[in-house]
Amino acid sequence: TMAYMNRDDVAVCAADCRLMVFDRTKGV
């Protein structure tokens, strides 16, 4: 199931992967 489907403030990666994430993107 897709997590947070009804939230536009959350990004979801639906792929199996090794994922690099950042706590914020503003100004980067």
mmCIF file of all heavy atoms, coordinates in Angstrom:
data_MODEL
# 
_entry.id   MODEL 
# 
loop_
_atom_site.group_PDB 
_atom_site.id 
_atom_site.type_symbol 
_atom_site.label_atom_id 
_atom_site.label_alt_id 
_atom_site.label_comp_id 
_atom_site.label_asym_id 
_atom_site.label_entity_id 
_atom_site.label_seq_id 
_atom_site.pdbx_PDB_ins_code 
_atom_site.Cartn_x 
_atom_site.Cartn_y 
_atom_site.Cartn_z 
_atom_site.occupancy 
_atom_site.B_iso_or_equiv 
_atom_site.pdbx_formal_charge 
_atom_site.auth_seq_id 
_atom_site.auth_comp_id 
_atom_site.auth_asym_id 
_atom_site.auth_atom_id 
_atom_site.pdbx_PDB_model_num 
ATOM 1   N N   . THR A 1 1  ? 0.847  -1.189 0.000  1.00 0.00 ? 1  THR A N   1 
ATOM 2   C CA  . THR A 1 1  ? 0.000  0.000  0.000  1.00 0.00 ? 1  THR A CA  1 
ATOM 3   C C   . THR A 1 1  ? 0.884  1.242  0.000  1.00 0.00 ? 1  THR A C   1 
ATOM 4   O O   . THR A 1 1  ? 2.018  1.205  0.477  1.00 0.00 ? 1  THR A O   1 
ATOM 5   C CB  . THR A 1 1  ? -0.930 0.025  1.224  1.00 0.00 ? 1  THR A CB  1 
ATOM 6   O OG1 . THR A 1 1  ? -0.130 -0.027 2.411  1.00 0.00 ? 1  THR A OG1 1 
ATOM 7   C CG2 . THR A 1 1  ? -1.883 -1.160 1.203  1.00 0.00 ? 1  THR A CG2 1 
ATOM 8   N N   . MET A 1 2  ? 0.377  2.315  -0.543 1.00 0.00 ? 2  MET A N   1 
ATOM 9   C CA  . MET A 1 2  ? 1.120  3.564  -0.613 1.00 0.00 ? 2  MET A CA  1 
ATOM 10  C C   . MET A 1 2  ? 0.886  4.348  0.677  1.00 0.00 ? 2  MET A C   1 
ATOM 11  O O   . MET A 1 2  ? -0.256 4.684  1.001  1.00 0.00 ? 2  MET A O   1 
ATOM 12  C CB  . MET A 1 2  ? 0.660  4.377  -1.824 1.00 0.00 ? 2  MET A CB  1 
ATOM 13  C CG  . MET A 1 2  ? 1.460  5.630  -2.049 1.00 0.00 ? 2  MET A CG  1 
ATOM 14  S SD  . MET A 1 2  ? 3.141  5.327  -2.606 1.00 0.00 ? 2  MET A SD  1 
ATOM 15  C CE  . MET A 1 2  ? 2.859  4.726  -4.241 1.00 0.00 ? 2  MET A CE  1 
ATOM 16  N N   . ALA A 1 3  ? 1.937  4.630  1.389  1.00 0.00 ? 3  ALA A N   1 
ATOM 17  C CA  . ALA A 1 3  ? 1.833  5.408  2.621  1.00 0.00 ? 3  ALA A CA  1 
ATOM 18  C C   . ALA A 1 3  ? 1.575  6.880  2.296  1.00 0.00 ? 3  ALA A C   1 
ATOM 19  O O   . ALA A 1 3  ? 2.067  7.394  1.298  1.00 0.00 ? 3  ALA A O   1 
ATOM 20  C CB  . ALA A 1 3  ? 3.123  5.274  3.424  1.00 0.00 ? 3  ALA A CB  1 
ATOM 21  N N   . TYR A 1 4  ? 0.799  7.506  3.121  1.00 0.00 ? 4  TYR A N   1 
ATOM 22  C CA  . TYR A 1 4  ? 0.554  8.954  3.042  1.00 0.00 ? 4  TYR A CA  1 
ATOM 23  C C   . TYR A 1 4  ? -0.031 9.396  1.701  1.00 0.00 ? 4  TYR A C   1 
ATOM 24  O O   . TYR A 1 4  ? 0.272  10.474 1.213  1.00 0.00 ? 4  TYR A O   1 
ATOM 25  C CB  . TYR A 1 4  ? 1.830  9.744  3.347  1.00 0.00 ? 4  TYR A CB  1 
ATOM 26  C CG  . TYR A 1 4  ? 2.459  9.383  4.663  1.00 0.00 ? 4  TYR A CG  1 
ATOM 27  C CD1 . TYR A 1 4  ? 3.643  8.660  4.719  1.00 0.00 ? 4  TYR A CD1 1 
ATOM 28  C CD2 . TYR A 1 4  ? 1.852  9.754  5.858  1.00 0.00 ? 4  TYR A CD2 1 
ATOM 29  C CE1 . TYR A 1 4  ? 4.217  8.317  5.936  1.00 0.00 ? 4  TYR A CE1 1 
ATOM 30  C CE2 . TYR A 1 4  ? 2.422  9.415  7.077  1.00 0.00 ? 4  TYR A CE2 1 
ATOM 31  C CZ  . TYR A 1 4  ? 3.598  8.705  7.102  1.00 0.00 ? 4  TYR A CZ  1 
ATOM 32  O OH  . TYR A 1 4  ? 4.155  8.374  8.302  1.00 0.00 ? 4  TYR A OH  1 
ATOM 33  N N   . MET A 1 5  ? -0.889 8.594  1.106  1.00 0.00 ? 5  MET A N   1 
ATOM 34  C CA  . MET A 1 5  ? -1.470 8.931  -0.203 1.00 0.00 ? 5  MET A CA  1 
ATOM 35  C C   . MET A 1 5  ? -2.219 10.263 -0.206 1.00 0.00 ? 5  MET A C   1 
ATOM 36  O O   . MET A 1 5  ? -2.238 10.950 -1.213 1.00 0.00 ? 5  MET A O   1 
ATOM 37  C CB  . MET A 1 5  ? -2.425 7.826  -0.660 1.00 0.00 ? 5  MET A CB  1 
ATOM 38  C CG  . MET A 1 5  ? -1.735 6.752  -1.450 1.00 0.00 ? 5  MET A CG  1 
ATOM 39  S SD  . MET A 1 5  ? -2.880 5.491  -2.021 1.00 0.00 ? 5  MET A SD  1 
ATOM 40  C CE  . MET A 1 5  ? -3.681 6.309  -3.363 1.00 0.00 ? 5  MET A CE  1 
ATOM 41  N N   . ASN A 1 6  ? -2.805 10.613 0.908  1.00 0.00 ? 6  ASN A N   1 
ATOM 42  C CA  . ASN A 1 6  ? -3.630 11.823 0.963  1.00 0.00 ? 6  ASN A CA  1 
ATOM 43  C C   . ASN A 1 6  ? -2.892 13.039 1.495  1.00 0.00 ? 6  ASN A C   1 
ATOM 44  O O   . ASN A 1 6  ? -3.515 14.049 1.808  1.00 0.00 ? 6  ASN A O   1 
ATOM 45  C CB  . ASN A 1 6  ? -4.885 11.552 1.802  1.00 0.00 ? 6  ASN A CB  1 
ATOM 46  C CG  . ASN A 1 6  ? -5.729 10.446 1.192  1.00 0.00 ? 6  ASN A CG  1 
ATOM 47  O OD1 . ASN A 1 6  ? -5.871 10.388 -0.025 1.00 0.00 ? 6  ASN A OD1 1 
ATOM 48  N ND2 . ASN A 1 6  ? -6.254 9.573  2.018  1.00 0.00 ? 6  ASN A ND2 1 
ATOM 49  N N   . ARG A 1 7  ? -1.582 12.971 1.591  1.00 0.00 ? 7  ARG A N   1 
ATOM 50  C CA  . ARG A 1 7  ? -0.804 14.109 2.103  1.00 0.00 ? 7  ARG A CA  1 
ATOM 51  C C   . ARG A 1 7  ? 0.113  14.626 1.014  1.00 0.00 ? 7  ARG A C   1 
ATOM 52  O O   . ARG A 1 7  ? 0.941  13.898 0.495  1.00 0.00 ? 7  ARG A O   1 
ATOM 53  C CB  . ARG A 1 7  ? 0.004  13.681 3.320  1.00 0.00 ? 7  ARG A CB  1 
ATOM 54  C CG  . ARG A 1 7  ? -0.891 13.364 4.515  1.00 0.00 ? 7  ARG A CG  1 
ATOM 55  C CD  . ARG A 1 7  ? -0.117 13.111 5.764  1.00 0.00 ? 7  ARG A CD  1 
ATOM 56  N NE  . ARG A 1 7  ? 0.794  14.189 6.079  1.00 0.00 ? 7  ARG A NE  1 
ATOM 57  C CZ  . ARG A 1 7  ? 1.659  14.124 7.083  1.00 0.00 ? 7  ARG A CZ  1 
ATOM 58  N NH1 . ARG A 1 7  ? 1.717  13.057 7.853  1.00 0.00 ? 7  ARG A NH1 1 
ATOM 59  N NH2 . ARG A 1 7  ? 2.478  15.132 7.311  1.00 0.00 ? 7  ARG A NH2 1 
ATOM 60  N N   . ASP A 1 8  ? -0.024 15.902 0.705  1.00 0.00 ? 8  ASP A N   1 
ATOM 61  C CA  . ASP A 1 8  ? 0.840  16.487 -0.322 1.00 0.00 ? 8  ASP A CA  1 
ATOM 62  C C   . ASP A 1 8  ? 2.124  17.071 0.267  1.00 0.00 ? 8  ASP A C   1 
ATOM 63  O O   . ASP A 1 8  ? 2.953  17.609 -0.458 1.00 0.00 ? 8  ASP A O   1 
ATOM 64  C CB  . ASP A 1 8  ? 0.087  17.534 -1.146 1.00 0.00 ? 8  ASP A CB  1 
ATOM 65  C CG  . ASP A 1 8  ? -0.417 18.704 -0.320 1.00 0.00 ? 8  ASP A CG  1 
ATOM 66  O OD1 . ASP A 1 8  ? -0.167 18.744 0.903  1.00 0.00 ? 8  ASP A OD1 1 
ATOM 67  O OD2 . ASP A 1 8  ? -1.060 19.597 -0.903 1.00 0.00 ? 8  ASP A OD2 1 
ATOM 68  N N   . ASP A 1 9  ? 2.317  16.950 1.574  1.00 0.00 ? 9  ASP A N   1 
ATOM 69  C CA  . ASP A 1 9  ? 3.535  17.447 2.203  1.00 0.00 ? 9  ASP A CA  1 
ATOM 70  C C   . ASP A 1 9  ? 4.537  16.334 2.501  1.00 0.00 ? 9  ASP A C   1 
ATOM 71  O O   . ASP A 1 9  ? 5.550  16.550 3.141  1.00 0.00 ? 9  ASP A O   1 
ATOM 72  C CB  . ASP A 1 9  ? 3.207  18.209 3.490  1.00 0.00 ? 9  ASP A CB  1 
ATOM 73  C CG  . ASP A 1 9  ? 2.556  17.321 4.550  1.00 0.00 ? 9  ASP A CG  1 
ATOM 74  O OD1 . ASP A 1 9  ? 1.819  16.389 4.179  1.00 0.00 ? 9  ASP A OD1 1 
ATOM 75  O OD2 . ASP A 1 9  ? 2.785  17.569 5.743  1.00 0.00 ? 9  ASP A OD2 1 
ATOM 76  N N   . VAL A 1 10 ? 4.237  15.123 2.002  1.00 0.00 ? 10 VAL A N   1 
ATOM 77  C CA  . VAL A 1 10 ? 5.108  13.977 2.231  1.00 0.00 ? 10 VAL A CA  1 
ATOM 78  C C   . VAL A 1 10 ? 5.475  13.359 0.891  1.00 0.00 ? 10 VAL A C   1 
ATOM 79  O O   . VAL A 1 10 ? 4.603  13.070 0.079  1.00 0.00 ? 10 VAL A O   1 
ATOM 80  C CB  . VAL A 1 10 ? 4.403  12.917 3.123  1.00 0.00 ? 10 VAL A CB  1 
ATOM 81  C CG1 . VAL A 1 10 ? 5.279  11.687 3.276  1.00 0.00 ? 10 VAL A CG1 1 
ATOM 82  C CG2 . VAL A 1 10 ? 4.042  13.497 4.469  1.00 0.00 ? 10 VAL A CG2 1 
ATOM 83  N N   . ALA A 1 11 ? 6.766  13.166 0.665  1.00 0.00 ? 11 ALA A N   1 
ATOM 84  C CA  . ALA A 1 11 ? 7.227  12.492 -0.551 1.00 0.00 ? 11 ALA A CA  1 
ATOM 85  C C   . ALA A 1 11 ? 7.384  11.009 -0.249 1.00 0.00 ? 11 ALA A C   1 
ATOM 86  O O   . ALA A 1 11 ? 7.879  10.634 0.814  1.00 0.00 ? 11 ALA A O   1 
ATOM 87  C CB  . ALA A 1 11 ? 8.550  13.079 -1.015 1.00 0.00 ? 11 ALA A CB  1 
ATOM 88  N N   . VAL A 1 12 ? 6.943  10.182 -1.170 1.00 0.00 ? 12 VAL A N   1 
ATOM 89  C CA  . VAL A 1 12 ? 7.020  8.733  -0.991 1.00 0.00 ? 12 VAL A CA  1 
ATOM 90  C C   . VAL A 1 12 ? 7.802  8.139  -2.149 1.00 0.00 ? 12 VAL A C   1 
ATOM 91  O O   . VAL A 1 12 ? 7.554  8.451  -3.305 1.00 0.00 ? 12 VAL A O   1 
ATOM 92  C CB  . VAL A 1 12 ? 5.600  8.116  -0.941 1.00 0.00 ? 12 VAL A CB  1 
ATOM 93  C CG1 . VAL A 1 12 ? 5.688  6.603  -0.837 1.00 0.00 ? 12 VAL A CG1 1 
ATOM 94  C CG2 . VAL A 1 12 ? 4.808  8.687  0.225  1.00 0.00 ? 12 VAL A CG2 1 
ATOM 95  N N   . CYS A 1 13 ? 8.769  7.282  -1.831 1.00 0.00 ? 13 CYS A N   1 
ATOM 96  C CA  . CYS A 1 13 ? 9.517  6.561  -2.852 1.00 0.00 ? 13 CYS A CA  1 
ATOM 97  C C   . CYS A 1 13 ? 8.949  5.143  -2.913 1.00 0.00 ? 13 CYS A C   1 
ATOM 98  O O   . CYS A 1 13 ? 9.090  4.375  -1.970 1.00 0.00 ? 13 CYS A O   1 
ATOM 99  C CB  . CYS A 1 13 ? 10.998 6.535  -2.499 1.00 0.00 ? 13 CYS A CB  1 
ATOM 100 S SG  . CYS A 1 13 ? 11.965 5.608  -3.687 1.00 0.00 ? 13 CYS A SG  1 
ATOM 101 N N   . ALA A 1 14 ? 8.300  4.838  -4.012 1.00 0.00 ? 14 ALA A N   1 
ATOM 102 C CA  . ALA A 1 14 ? 7.619  3.546  -4.126 1.00 0.00 ? 14 ALA A CA  1 
ATOM 103 C C   . ALA A 1 14 ? 8.518  2.440  -4.669 1.00 0.00 ? 14 ALA A C   1 
ATOM 104 O O   . ALA A 1 14 ? 8.048  1.360  -4.964 1.00 0.00 ? 14 ALA A O   1 
ATOM 105 C CB  . ALA A 1 14 ? 6.398  3.705  -5.026 1.00 0.00 ? 14 ALA A CB  1 
ATOM 106 N N   . ALA A 1 15 ? 9.774  2.684  -4.801 1.00 0.00 ? 15 ALA A N   1 
ATOM 107 C CA  . ALA A 1 15 ? 10.687 1.686  -5.371 1.00 0.00 ? 15 ALA A CA  1 
ATOM 108 C C   . ALA A 1 15 ? 11.527 1.041  -4.281 1.00 0.00 ? 15 ALA A C   1 
ATOM 109 O O   . ALA A 1 15 ? 11.790 1.636  -3.239 1.00 0.00 ? 15 ALA A O   1 
ATOM 110 C CB  . ALA A 1 15 ? 11.604 2.357  -6.387 1.00 0.00 ? 15 ALA A CB  1 
ATOM 111 N N   . ASP A 1 16 ? 11.933 -0.199 -4.531 1.00 0.00 ? 16 ASP A N   1 
ATOM 112 C CA  . ASP A 1 16 ? 12.945 -0.823 -3.684 1.00 0.00 ? 16 ASP A CA  1 
ATOM 113 C C   . ASP A 1 16 ? 14.258 -0.147 -4.036 1.00 0.00 ? 16 ASP A C   1 
ATOM 114 O O   . ASP A 1 16 ? 14.624 -0.070 -5.207 1.00 0.00 ? 16 ASP A O   1 
ATOM 115 C CB  . ASP A 1 16 ? 13.078 -2.313 -3.993 1.00 0.00 ? 16 ASP A CB  1 
ATOM 116 C CG  . ASP A 1 16 ? 11.863 -3.111 -3.601 1.00 0.00 ? 16 ASP A CG  1 
ATOM 117 O OD1 . ASP A 1 16 ? 11.168 -2.690 -2.667 1.00 0.00 ? 16 ASP A OD1 1 
ATOM 118 O OD2 . ASP A 1 16 ? 11.614 -4.151 -4.220 1.00 0.00 ? 16 ASP A OD2 1 
ATOM 119 N N   . CYS A 1 17 ? 14.948 0.354  -3.039 1.00 0.00 ? 17 CYS A N   1 
ATOM 120 C CA  . CYS A 1 17 ? 16.187 1.054  -3.375 1.00 0.00 ? 17 CYS A CA  1 
ATOM 121 C C   . CYS A 1 17 ? 16.995 1.333  -2.121 1.00 0.00 ? 17 CYS A C   1 
ATOM 122 O O   . CYS A 1 17 ? 16.532 1.146  -1.013 1.00 0.00 ? 17 CYS A O   1 
ATOM 123 C CB  . CYS A 1 17 ? 15.869 2.364  -4.077 1.00 0.00 ? 17 CYS A CB  1 
ATOM 124 S SG  . CYS A 1 17 ? 14.958 3.539  -3.049 1.00 0.00 ? 17 CYS A SG  1 
ATOM 125 N N   . ARG A 1 18 ? 18.165 1.790  -2.348 1.00 0.00 ? 18 ARG A N   1 
ATOM 126 C CA  . ARG A 1 18 ? 18.956 2.407  -1.293 1.00 0.00 ? 18 ARG A CA  1 
ATOM 127 C C   . ARG A 1 18 ? 18.740 3.893  -1.503 1.00 0.00 ? 18 ARG A C   1 
ATOM 128 O O   . ARG A 1 18 ? 19.037 4.417  -2.570 1.00 0.00 ? 18 ARG A O   1 
ATOM 129 C CB  . ARG A 1 18 ? 20.418 2.038  -1.416 1.00 0.00 ? 18 ARG A CB  1 
ATOM 130 C CG  . ARG A 1 18 ? 20.622 0.576  -1.160 1.00 0.00 ? 18 ARG A CG  1 
ATOM 131 C CD  . ARG A 1 18 ? 22.069 0.215  -1.181 1.00 0.00 ? 18 ARG A CD  1 
ATOM 132 N NE  . ARG A 1 18 ? 22.156 -1.228 -0.930 1.00 0.00 ? 18 ARG A NE  1 
ATOM 133 C CZ  . ARG A 1 18 ? 23.276 -1.896 -0.959 1.00 0.00 ? 18 ARG A CZ  1 
ATOM 134 N NH1 . ARG A 1 18 ? 24.397 -1.280 -1.223 1.00 0.00 ? 18 ARG A NH1 1 
ATOM 135 N NH2 . ARG A 1 18 ? 23.285 -3.174 -0.724 1.00 0.00 ? 18 ARG A NH2 1 
ATOM 136 N N   . LEU A 1 19 ? 18.207 4.541  -0.515 1.00 0.00 ? 19 LEU A N   1 
ATOM 137 C CA  . LEU A 1 19 ? 17.731 5.897  -0.676 1.00 0.00 ? 19 LEU A CA  1 
ATOM 138 C C   . LEU A 1 19 ? 18.512 6.867  0.189  1.00 0.00 ? 19 LEU A C   1 
ATOM 139 O O   . LEU A 1 19 ? 18.755 6.603  1.361  1.00 0.00 ? 19 LEU A O   1 
ATOM 140 C CB  . LEU A 1 19 ? 16.241 5.941  -0.306 1.00 0.00 ? 19 LEU A CB  1 
ATOM 141 C CG  . LEU A 1 19 ? 15.499 7.244  -0.420 1.00 0.00 ? 19 LEU A CG  1 
ATOM 142 C CD1 . LEU A 1 19 ? 15.421 7.691  -1.879 1.00 0.00 ? 19 LEU A CD1 1 
ATOM 143 C CD2 . LEU A 1 19 ? 14.105 7.093  0.152  1.00 0.00 ? 19 LEU A CD2 1 
ATOM 144 N N   . MET A 1 20 ? 18.922 7.979  -0.392 1.00 0.00 ? 20 MET A N   1 
ATOM 145 C CA  . MET A 1 20 ? 19.560 9.038  0.357  1.00 0.00 ? 20 MET A CA  1 
ATOM 146 C C   . MET A 1 20 ? 18.500 10.111 0.600  1.00 0.00 ? 20 MET A C   1 
ATOM 147 O O   . MET A 1 20 ? 17.804 10.508 -0.327 1.00 0.00 ? 20 MET A O   1 
ATOM 148 C CB  . MET A 1 20 ? 20.725 9.655  -0.423 1.00 0.00 ? 20 MET A CB  1 
ATOM 149 C CG  . MET A 1 20 ? 21.428 10.752 0.352  1.00 0.00 ? 20 MET A CG  1 
ATOM 150 S SD  . MET A 1 20 ? 22.675 11.646 -0.602 1.00 0.00 ? 20 MET A SD  1 
ATOM 151 C CE  . MET A 1 20 ? 23.676 10.346 -1.239 1.00 0.00 ? 20 MET A CE  1 
ATOM 152 N N   . VAL A 1 21 ? 18.335 10.519 1.843  1.00 0.00 ? 21 VAL A N   1 
ATOM 153 C CA  . VAL A 1 21 ? 17.329 11.522 2.159  1.00 0.00 ? 21 VAL A CA  1 
ATOM 154 C C   . VAL A 1 21 ? 17.960 12.684 2.907  1.00 0.00 ? 21 VAL A C   1 
ATOM 155 O O   . VAL A 1 21 ? 19.017 12.554 3.512  1.00 0.00 ? 21 VAL A O   1 
ATOM 156 C CB  . VAL A 1 21 ? 16.176 10.925 3.009  1.00 0.00 ? 21 VAL A CB  1 
ATOM 157 C CG1 . VAL A 1 21 ? 15.434 9.863  2.237  1.00 0.00 ? 21 VAL A CG1 1 
ATOM 158 C CG2 . VAL A 1 21 ? 16.694 10.365 4.308  1.00 0.00 ? 21 VAL A CG2 1 
ATOM 159 N N   . PHE A 1 22 ? 17.282 13.807 2.846  1.00 0.00 ? 22 PHE A N   1 
ATOM 160 C CA  . PHE A 1 22 ? 17.724 15.011 3.536  1.00 0.00 ? 22 PHE A CA  1 
ATOM 161 C C   . PHE A 1 22 ? 16.587 15.494 4.421  1.00 0.00 ? 22 PHE A C   1 
ATOM 162 O O   . PHE A 1 22 ? 15.421 15.364 4.053  1.00 0.00 ? 22 PHE A O   1 
ATOM 163 C CB  . PHE A 1 22 ? 18.101 16.098 2.517  1.00 0.00 ? 22 PHE A CB  1 
ATOM 164 C CG  . PHE A 1 22 ? 19.191 15.668 1.590  1.00 0.00 ? 22 PHE A CG  1 
ATOM 165 C CD1 . PHE A 1 22 ? 18.882 15.059 0.380  1.00 0.00 ? 22 PHE A CD1 1 
ATOM 166 C CD2 . PHE A 1 22 ? 20.520 15.828 1.932  1.00 0.00 ? 22 PHE A CD2 1 
ATOM 167 C CE1 . PHE A 1 22 ? 19.887 14.644 -0.482 1.00 0.00 ? 22 PHE A CE1 1 
ATOM 168 C CE2 . PHE A 1 22 ? 21.528 15.418 1.084  1.00 0.00 ? 22 PHE A CE2 1 
ATOM 169 C CZ  . PHE A 1 22 ? 21.214 14.825 -0.124 1.00 0.00 ? 22 PHE A CZ  1 
ATOM 170 N N   . ASP A 1 23 ? 16.911 16.059 5.567  1.00 0.00 ? 23 ASP A N   1 
ATOM 171 C CA  . ASP A 1 23 ? 15.852 16.509 6.461  1.00 0.00 ? 23 ASP A CA  1 
ATOM 172 C C   . ASP A 1 23 ? 15.152 17.762 5.958  1.00 0.00 ? 23 ASP A C   1 
ATOM 173 O O   . ASP A 1 23 ? 14.053 18.082 6.376  1.00 0.00 ? 23 ASP A O   1 
ATOM 174 C CB  . ASP A 1 23 ? 16.371 16.712 7.887  1.00 0.00 ? 23 ASP A CB  1 
ATOM 175 C CG  . ASP A 1 23 ? 17.459 17.764 7.987  1.00 0.00 ? 23 ASP A CG  1 
ATOM 176 O OD1 . ASP A 1 23 ? 17.963 18.216 6.949  1.00 0.00 ? 23 ASP A OD1 1 
ATOM 177 O OD2 . ASP A 1 23 ? 17.799 18.139 9.119  1.00 0.00 ? 23 ASP A OD2 1 
ATOM 178 N N   . ARG A 1 24 ? 15.767 18.494 5.021  1.00 0.00 ? 24 ARG A N   1 
ATOM 179 C CA  . ARG A 1 24 ? 15.107 19.646 4.417  1.00 0.00 ? 24 ARG A CA  1 
ATOM 180 C C   . ARG A 1 24 ? 15.729 19.916 3.054  1.00 0.00 ? 24 ARG A C   1 
ATOM 181 O O   . ARG A 1 24 ? 16.872 19.516 2.791  1.00 0.00 ? 24 ARG A O   1 
ATOM 182 C CB  . ARG A 1 24 ? 15.214 20.869 5.312  1.00 0.00 ? 24 ARG A CB  1 
ATOM 183 C CG  . ARG A 1 24 ? 16.613 21.442 5.488  1.00 0.00 ? 24 ARG A CG  1 
ATOM 184 C CD  . ARG A 1 24 ? 16.603 22.613 6.455  1.00 0.00 ? 24 ARG A CD  1 
ATOM 185 N NE  . ARG A 1 24 ? 16.738 22.166 7.817  1.00 0.00 ? 24 ARG A NE  1 
ATOM 186 C CZ  . ARG A 1 24 ? 17.899 22.089 8.464  1.00 0.00 ? 24 ARG A CZ  1 
ATOM 187 N NH1 . ARG A 1 24 ? 18.995 22.469 7.882  1.00 0.00 ? 24 ARG A NH1 1 
ATOM 188 N NH2 . ARG A 1 24 ? 17.969 21.653 9.680  1.00 0.00 ? 24 ARG A NH2 1 
ATOM 189 N N   . THR A 1 25 ? 14.976 20.562 2.200  1.00 0.00 ? 25 THR A N   1 
ATOM 190 C CA  . THR A 1 25 ? 15.485 20.891 0.881  1.00 0.00 ? 25 THR A CA  1 
ATOM 191 C C   . THR A 1 25 ? 15.462 22.388 0.603  1.00 0.00 ? 25 THR A C   1 
ATOM 192 O O   . THR A 1 25 ? 16.061 22.850 -0.333 1.00 0.00 ? 25 THR A O   1 
ATOM 193 C CB  . THR A 1 25 ? 14.668 20.197 -0.226 1.00 0.00 ? 25 THR A CB  1 
ATOM 194 O OG1 . THR A 1 25 ? 13.311 20.586 -0.104 1.00 0.00 ? 25 THR A OG1 1 
ATOM 195 C CG2 . THR A 1 25 ? 14.808 18.702 -0.141 1.00 0.00 ? 25 THR A CG2 1 
ATOM 196 N N   . LYS A 1 26 ? 14.757 23.135 1.434  1.00 0.00 ? 26 LYS A N   1 
ATOM 197 C CA  . LYS A 1 26 ? 14.646 24.574 1.223  1.00 0.00 ? 26 LYS A CA  1 
ATOM 198 C C   . LYS A 1 26 ? 16.028 25.219 1.221  1.00 0.00 ? 26 LYS A C   1 
ATOM 199 O O   . LYS A 1 26 ? 16.825 25.017 2.139  1.00 0.00 ? 26 LYS A O   1 
ATOM 200 C CB  . LYS A 1 26 ? 13.774 25.202 2.291  1.00 0.00 ? 26 LYS A CB  1 
ATOM 201 C CG  . LYS A 1 26 ? 13.463 26.644 2.035  1.00 0.00 ? 26 LYS A CG  1 
ATOM 202 C CD  . LYS A 1 26 ? 12.494 27.191 3.076  1.00 0.00 ? 26 LYS A CD  1 
ATOM 203 C CE  . LYS A 1 26 ? 12.163 28.623 2.733  1.00 0.00 ? 26 LYS A CE  1 
ATOM 204 N NZ  . LYS A 1 26 ? 11.186 29.170 3.647  1.00 0.00 ? 26 LYS A NZ  1 
ATOM 205 N N   . GLY A 1 27 ? 16.306 25.964 0.176  1.00 0.00 ? 27 GLY A N   1 
ATOM 206 C CA  . GLY A 1 27 ? 17.563 26.680 0.086  1.00 0.00 ? 27 GLY A CA  1 
ATOM 207 C C   . GLY A 1 27 ? 18.733 25.849 -0.392 1.00 0.00 ? 27 GLY A C   1 
ATOM 208 O O   . GLY A 1 27 ? 19.840 26.316 -0.469 1.00 0.00 ? 27 GLY A O   1 
ATOM 209 N N   . VAL A 1 28 ? 18.506 24.585 -0.746 1.00 0.00 ? 28 VAL A N   1 
ATOM 210 C CA  . VAL A 1 28 ? 19.569 23.723 -1.245 1.00 0.00 ? 28 VAL A CA  1 
ATOM 211 C C   . VAL A 1 28 ? 19.400 23.582 -2.751 1.00 0.00 ? 28 VAL A C   1 
ATOM 212 O O   . VAL A 1 28 ? 18.511 22.911 -3.229 1.00 0.00 ? 28 VAL A O   1 
ATOM 213 C CB  . VAL A 1 28 ? 19.518 22.330 -0.569 1.00 0.00 ? 28 VAL A CB  1 
ATOM 214 C CG1 . VAL A 1 28 ? 20.634 21.440 -1.121 1.00 0.00 ? 28 VAL A CG1 1 
ATOM 215 C CG2 . VAL A 1 28 ? 19.618 22.454 0.926  1.00 0.00 ? 28 VAL A CG2 1 
# 
